[in-house]
Amino acid sequence: MKFCHTCDWFVDETDGATEQERSRLALEHFVETGHSIDSSGSVGRPTPPSICEELLIRDLLGVDADLDMSTSTAGTRPGTETETGSGA
């Protein structure tokens, strides 16, 4: 099986094409679109692994998954945070 990493294009043995014809079709798809092609001997598209969202947040942000995100200042511009208790 040959399939595109970017779109739903693929060709496999059930299409009745020879290996050489499948390779030519994959090359044509690459030339026309610039998309990368997987030509592995797999019988189907690989499935992405399931990712635990809490682990992803911890690994990407370097914080504990138990962190209360409601107190986060993420998404605010520097210098725009408001201070409380300043007496103003």
Protein backbone atom coordinates (compact mmCIF):
# COMPACT_ATOMS: atom_id res chain seq x y z
CA MET A 1 0.00 0.00 0.00
CA LYS A 2 1.13 3.50 -0.79
CA PHE A 3 -0.59 6.44 0.85
CA CYS A 4 -0.24 10.17 1.23
CA HIS A 5 0.66 11.68 4.60
CA THR A 6 -1.21 14.90 3.79
CA CYS A 7 -4.47 13.91 2.09
CA ASP A 8 -6.63 10.81 1.59
CA TRP A 9 -4.85 9.62 -1.57
CA PHE A 10 -3.77 5.98 -1.63
CA VAL A 11 -3.29 3.02 -3.93
CA ASP A 12 -3.06 -0.63 -2.92
CA GLU A 13 -3.02 -4.15 -4.33
CA THR A 14 -6.81 -4.33 -4.52
CA ASP A 15 -6.79 -1.65 -7.23
CA GLY A 16 -5.37 -4.24 -9.64
CA ALA A 17 -2.22 -2.22 -10.34
CA THR A 18 1.23 -3.79 -10.38
CA GLU A 19 3.89 -2.62 -7.93
CA GLN A 20 5.52 -0.62 -10.71
CA GLU A 21 2.21 1.06 -11.59
CA ARG A 22 1.52 1.86 -7.93
CA SER A 23 4.99 3.40 -7.64
CA ARG A 24 4.39 5.49 -10.77
CA LEU A 25 1.03 6.70 -9.39
CA ALA A 26 2.63 7.60 -6.05
CA LEU A 27 5.40 9.52 -7.81
CA GLU A 28 2.84 11.36 -9.94
CA HIS A 29 0.88 12.31 -6.81
CA PHE A 30 4.07 13.62 -5.19
CA VAL A 31 5.05 15.66 -8.27
CA GLU A 32 1.55 17.13 -8.64
CA THR A 33 0.99 17.98 -4.97
CA GLY A 34 4.35 17.97 -3.18
CA HIS A 35 2.81 15.66 -0.56
CA SER A 36 4.97 12.98 1.04
CA ILE A 37 4.11 9.35 0.27
CA ASP A 38 4.52 6.32 2.53
CA SER A 39 5.54 3.25 0.54
CA SER A 40 5.95 0.87 3.45
CA GLY A 41 4.78 -2.70 3.23
CA SER A 42 1.93 -2.04 5.63
CA VAL A 43 -1.58 -3.14 4.72
CA GLY A 44 -3.23 0.02 6.01
CA ARG A 45 -2.69 3.52 7.29
CA PRO A 46 -1.05 3.69 10.70
CA THR A 47 -3.24 4.99 13.49
CA PRO A 48 -1.98 7.74 15.76
CA PRO A 49 -1.36 6.66 19.33
CA SER A 50 -3.82 7.74 21.98
CA ILE A 51 -2.32 10.43 24.17
CA CYS A 52 -3.27 11.15 27.73
CA GLU A 53 -4.09 14.87 27.75
CA GLU A 54 -2.79 15.37 31.29
CA LEU A 55 0.60 13.86 30.38
CA LEU A 56 0.80 15.99 27.26
CA ILE A 57 0.17 19.18 29.26
CA ARG A 58 2.71 18.16 31.88
CA ASP A 59 5.38 17.35 29.30
CA LEU A 60 4.80 20.40 27.12
CA LEU A 61 4.34 22.97 29.85
CA GLY A 62 6.46 21.41 32.56
CA VAL A 63 3.63 21.67 35.08
CA ASP A 64 1.73 19.17 37.17
CA ALA A 65 -1.46 17.88 35.58
CA ASP A 66 -3.30 18.76 38.81
CA LEU A 67 -2.53 22.46 38.34
CA ASP A 68 -5.62 24.65 38.46
CA MET A 69 -5.51 26.29 35.02
CA SER A 70 -8.13 28.90 36.03
CA THR A 71 -5.43 30.96 37.74
CA SER A 72 -3.13 30.83 34.73
CA THR A 73 -2.13 34.02 32.93
CA ALA A 74 -1.71 32.14 29.66
CA GLY A 75 -2.91 34.16 26.72
CA THR A 76 -2.37 37.57 28.35
CA ARG A 77 0.08 40.06 27.02
CA PRO A 78 3.04 40.94 29.26
CA GLY A 79 2.32 44.01 31.34
CA THR A 80 -1.45 43.68 31.09
CA GLU A 81 -1.95 41.64 34.23
CA THR A 82 -3.89 43.49 36.92
CA GLU A 83 -2.63 43.64 40.46
CA THR A 84 -4.98 43.47 43.40
CA GLY A 85 -4.59 45.32 46.65
CA SER A 86 -2.59 48.19 45.18
CA GLY A 87 -4.89 50.77 46.79
CA ALA A 88 -5.67 52.43 43.49
